[in-house]
């Protein structure tokens, strides 16, 4: 994977995710940390399932908070890397 990444990358993972479980996201993070010439940001959100940033109940304050945090992380990353 490391040799294939040539552009900055951000990975926001969910604690509950069969497709990209936290163990896999942590492997991505380890690989990307060794590729210092390419910016990377990796974060695992506890207590959420895959799709938490777009599929949540607006009545669930914790879910809203975590989705907003992920949205803010994405905006910061885009502002930093997309020109």
N, C-alpha and C. Protein backbone atom coordinates (compact mmCIF):
# COMPACT_ATOMS: atom_id res chain seq x y z
N UNK A 1 0.82 -1.19 0.00
CA UNK A 1 0.00 0.00 0.00
C UNK A 1 0.86 1.26 0.00
N UNK A 2 1.89 1.28 0.80
CA UNK A 2 2.71 2.48 0.96
C UNK A 2 3.24 3.01 -0.35
N UNK A 3 3.71 2.15 -1.21
CA UNK A 3 4.29 2.62 -2.48
C UNK A 3 3.23 3.16 -3.42
N UNK A 4 1.98 2.80 -3.21
CA UNK A 4 0.91 3.26 -4.08
C UNK A 4 0.36 4.62 -3.68
N UNK A 5 0.59 5.06 -2.47
CA UNK A 5 0.07 6.35 -2.00
C UNK A 5 1.04 7.45 -2.43
N UNK A 6 0.53 8.34 -3.28
CA UNK A 6 1.37 9.42 -3.79
C UNK A 6 0.78 10.80 -3.47
N UNK A 7 -0.39 10.83 -2.91
CA UNK A 7 -1.07 12.07 -2.56
C UNK A 7 -1.49 12.01 -1.10
N UNK A 8 -1.67 13.17 -0.48
CA UNK A 8 -2.14 13.17 0.91
C UNK A 8 -3.42 12.36 1.05
N UNK A 9 -3.54 11.69 2.19
CA UNK A 9 -4.69 10.81 2.40
C UNK A 9 -5.19 10.95 3.84
N UNK A 10 -6.49 10.89 3.98
CA UNK A 10 -7.13 10.93 5.29
C UNK A 10 -8.03 9.71 5.43
N UNK A 11 -7.92 9.04 6.56
CA UNK A 11 -8.76 7.87 6.83
C UNK A 11 -9.45 8.08 8.16
N UNK A 12 -10.77 8.17 8.13
CA UNK A 12 -11.56 8.28 9.34
C UNK A 12 -12.29 6.95 9.51
N UNK A 13 -11.88 6.19 10.50
CA UNK A 13 -12.44 4.86 10.69
C UNK A 13 -13.45 4.81 11.81
N UNK A 14 -14.32 3.80 11.74
CA UNK A 14 -15.32 3.55 12.77
C UNK A 14 -14.88 2.37 13.62
N UNK A 15 -15.20 2.42 14.88
CA UNK A 15 -14.87 1.31 15.77
C UNK A 15 -15.59 0.02 15.35
N UNK A 16 -16.81 0.17 14.83
CA UNK A 16 -17.61 -0.98 14.41
C UNK A 16 -17.71 -0.94 12.88
N UNK A 17 -16.85 -1.73 12.23
CA UNK A 17 -16.81 -1.71 10.78
C UNK A 17 -16.24 -3.03 10.28
N UNK A 18 -17.06 -3.81 9.61
CA UNK A 18 -16.60 -5.10 9.10
C UNK A 18 -15.69 -4.94 7.89
N UNK A 19 -15.90 -3.89 7.11
CA UNK A 19 -15.11 -3.67 5.90
C UNK A 19 -13.70 -3.19 6.23
N UNK A 20 -13.60 -2.21 7.11
CA UNK A 20 -12.31 -1.66 7.54
C UNK A 20 -12.27 -1.61 9.07
N UNK A 21 -12.09 -2.77 9.70
CA UNK A 21 -12.08 -2.78 11.16
C UNK A 21 -10.89 -1.98 11.71
N UNK A 22 -10.98 -1.55 12.97
CA UNK A 22 -9.90 -0.75 13.56
C UNK A 22 -8.51 -1.36 13.40
N UNK A 23 -8.41 -2.67 13.46
CA UNK A 23 -7.11 -3.33 13.31
C UNK A 23 -6.51 -3.02 11.93
N UNK A 24 -7.34 -3.02 10.90
CA UNK A 24 -6.88 -2.71 9.55
C UNK A 24 -6.53 -1.23 9.42
N UNK A 25 -7.35 -0.38 10.00
CA UNK A 25 -7.08 1.07 9.97
C UNK A 25 -5.76 1.36 10.67
N UNK A 26 -5.48 0.67 11.77
CA UNK A 26 -4.21 0.85 12.49
C UNK A 26 -3.03 0.39 11.62
N UNK A 27 -3.22 -0.66 10.82
CA UNK A 27 -2.17 -1.09 9.89
C UNK A 27 -1.92 0.00 8.85
N UNK A 28 -3.00 0.58 8.31
CA UNK A 28 -2.85 1.69 7.37
C UNK A 28 -2.04 2.81 8.00
N UNK A 29 -2.38 3.15 9.24
CA UNK A 29 -1.69 4.23 9.94
C UNK A 29 -0.20 3.94 10.10
N UNK A 30 0.14 2.72 10.46
CA UNK A 30 1.55 2.33 10.61
C UNK A 30 2.29 2.47 9.29
N UNK A 31 1.70 2.01 8.22
CA UNK A 31 2.33 2.09 6.90
C UNK A 31 2.49 3.55 6.48
N UNK A 32 1.44 4.33 6.65
CA UNK A 32 1.47 5.73 6.23
C UNK A 32 2.43 6.56 7.06
N UNK A 33 2.61 6.23 8.32
CA UNK A 33 3.53 6.99 9.16
C UNK A 33 4.97 6.86 8.67
N UNK A 34 5.27 5.80 7.97
CA UNK A 34 6.60 5.61 7.40
C UNK A 34 6.79 6.31 6.07
N UNK A 35 5.75 6.88 5.55
CA UNK A 35 5.80 7.56 4.25
C UNK A 35 5.70 9.06 4.52
N UNK A 36 6.77 9.63 5.01
CA UNK A 36 6.75 11.01 5.48
C UNK A 36 6.61 12.04 4.36
N UNK A 37 6.91 11.67 3.13
CA UNK A 37 6.79 12.63 2.03
C UNK A 37 5.34 12.86 1.60
N UNK A 38 4.43 12.06 2.10
CA UNK A 38 3.01 12.21 1.80
C UNK A 38 2.26 12.43 3.11
N UNK A 39 1.51 13.52 3.18
CA UNK A 39 0.75 13.79 4.39
C UNK A 39 -0.36 12.79 4.60
N UNK A 40 -0.57 12.40 5.84
CA UNK A 40 -1.66 11.48 6.14
C UNK A 40 -2.28 11.83 7.49
N UNK A 41 -3.54 11.49 7.62
CA UNK A 41 -4.29 11.69 8.85
C UNK A 41 -5.17 10.47 9.04
N UNK A 42 -5.01 9.80 10.16
CA UNK A 42 -5.78 8.58 10.44
C UNK A 42 -6.38 8.73 11.83
N UNK A 43 -7.67 8.44 11.91
CA UNK A 43 -8.37 8.56 13.20
C UNK A 43 -9.48 7.52 13.25
N UNK A 44 -9.59 6.86 14.39
CA UNK A 44 -10.66 5.88 14.61
C UNK A 44 -11.62 6.48 15.64
N UNK A 45 -12.89 6.52 15.28
CA UNK A 45 -13.91 7.08 16.16
C UNK A 45 -14.54 5.96 16.99
N UNK A 46 -14.43 6.05 18.31
CA UNK A 46 -15.00 5.01 19.17
C UNK A 46 -16.52 5.07 19.22
N UNK A 47 -17.12 3.90 19.35
CA UNK A 47 -18.56 3.81 19.57
C UNK A 47 -19.43 4.10 18.37
N UNK A 48 -18.85 4.13 17.17
CA UNK A 48 -19.65 4.40 15.98
C UNK A 48 -19.52 3.24 14.99
N UNK A 49 -20.48 3.15 14.09
CA UNK A 49 -20.47 2.12 13.06
C UNK A 49 -20.21 2.75 11.70
N UNK A 50 -19.81 1.93 10.75
CA UNK A 50 -19.55 2.38 9.38
C UNK A 50 -20.70 3.26 8.90
N UNK A 51 -20.38 4.43 8.36
CA UNK A 51 -21.39 5.34 7.84
C UNK A 51 -21.88 6.35 8.86
N UNK A 52 -21.23 6.40 10.02
CA UNK A 52 -21.71 7.26 11.11
C UNK A 52 -21.76 8.74 10.76
N UNK A 53 -21.03 9.18 9.78
CA UNK A 53 -21.00 10.62 9.47
C UNK A 53 -22.22 11.07 8.66
N UNK A 54 -22.93 10.12 8.07
CA UNK A 54 -24.09 10.49 7.26
C UNK A 54 -25.37 9.77 7.69
N UNK A 55 -25.24 8.70 8.45
CA UNK A 55 -26.42 7.94 8.89
C UNK A 55 -26.47 7.93 10.41
N UNK A 56 -27.09 8.93 10.96
CA UNK A 56 -27.23 9.01 12.41
C UNK A 56 -28.54 9.71 12.74
N UNK A 57 -28.99 9.49 13.95
CA UNK A 57 -30.22 10.14 14.41
C UNK A 57 -29.87 11.53 14.94
N UNK A 58 -30.55 12.54 14.44
CA UNK A 58 -30.30 13.90 14.91
C UNK A 58 -30.73 14.07 16.37
N UNK A 59 -31.48 13.11 16.90
CA UNK A 59 -31.90 13.15 18.30
C UNK A 59 -30.85 12.54 19.24
N UNK A 60 -29.84 11.90 18.67
CA UNK A 60 -28.77 11.27 19.45
C UNK A 60 -27.60 12.26 19.54
N UNK A 61 -27.49 12.95 20.67
CA UNK A 61 -26.48 14.02 20.79
C UNK A 61 -25.06 13.50 20.63
N UNK A 62 -24.79 12.29 21.12
CA UNK A 62 -23.44 11.72 20.97
C UNK A 62 -23.13 11.44 19.50
N UNK A 63 -24.11 10.89 18.79
CA UNK A 63 -23.92 10.60 17.36
C UNK A 63 -23.71 11.89 16.57
N UNK A 64 -24.48 12.90 16.89
CA UNK A 64 -24.34 14.20 16.21
C UNK A 64 -22.96 14.77 16.48
N UNK A 65 -22.51 14.72 17.72
CA UNK A 65 -21.19 15.25 18.09
C UNK A 65 -20.08 14.55 17.32
N UNK A 66 -20.14 13.22 17.24
CA UNK A 66 -19.10 12.47 16.54
C UNK A 66 -19.14 12.74 15.04
N UNK A 67 -20.32 12.86 14.47
CA UNK A 67 -20.42 13.18 13.04
C UNK A 67 -19.87 14.57 12.78
N UNK A 68 -20.20 15.53 13.63
CA UNK A 68 -19.69 16.89 13.46
C UNK A 68 -18.17 16.93 13.60
N UNK A 69 -17.63 16.15 14.52
CA UNK A 69 -16.17 16.08 14.69
C UNK A 69 -15.51 15.54 13.42
N UNK A 70 -16.10 14.49 12.85
CA UNK A 70 -15.56 13.92 11.61
C UNK A 70 -15.67 14.92 10.47
N UNK A 71 -16.78 15.63 10.39
CA UNK A 71 -16.95 16.64 9.34
C UNK A 71 -15.89 17.73 9.48
N UNK A 72 -15.64 18.16 10.71
CA UNK A 72 -14.62 19.19 10.95
C UNK A 72 -13.23 18.66 10.55
N UNK A 73 -12.94 17.41 10.91
CA UNK A 73 -11.65 16.81 10.51
C UNK A 73 -11.51 16.81 8.99
N UNK A 74 -12.59 16.48 8.29
CA UNK A 74 -12.55 16.47 6.83
C UNK A 74 -12.33 17.87 6.26
N UNK A 75 -13.02 18.85 6.81
CA UNK A 75 -12.87 20.23 6.33
C UNK A 75 -11.45 20.74 6.55
N UNK A 76 -10.87 20.44 7.71
CA UNK A 76 -9.50 20.85 7.98
C UNK A 76 -8.56 20.18 6.97
N UNK A 77 -8.75 18.91 6.73
CA UNK A 77 -7.89 18.18 5.79
C UNK A 77 -8.04 18.77 4.38
N UNK A 78 -9.27 18.99 3.92
CA UNK A 78 -9.48 19.57 2.60
C UNK A 78 -8.84 20.96 2.48
N UNK A 79 -9.03 21.77 3.50
CA UNK A 79 -8.46 23.13 3.48
C UNK A 79 -6.94 23.07 3.39
N UNK A 80 -6.35 22.10 4.05
CA UNK A 80 -4.91 21.97 4.07
C UNK A 80 -4.34 21.39 2.76
N UNK A 81 -5.07 20.50 2.12
CA UNK A 81 -4.48 19.73 1.00
C UNK A 81 -5.09 19.99 -0.38
N UNK A 82 -6.26 20.57 -0.44
CA UNK A 82 -6.90 20.80 -1.74
C UNK A 82 -6.75 22.28 -2.09
N UNK A 83 -6.10 22.54 -3.19
CA UNK A 83 -5.87 23.93 -3.60
C UNK A 83 -6.31 24.16 -5.02
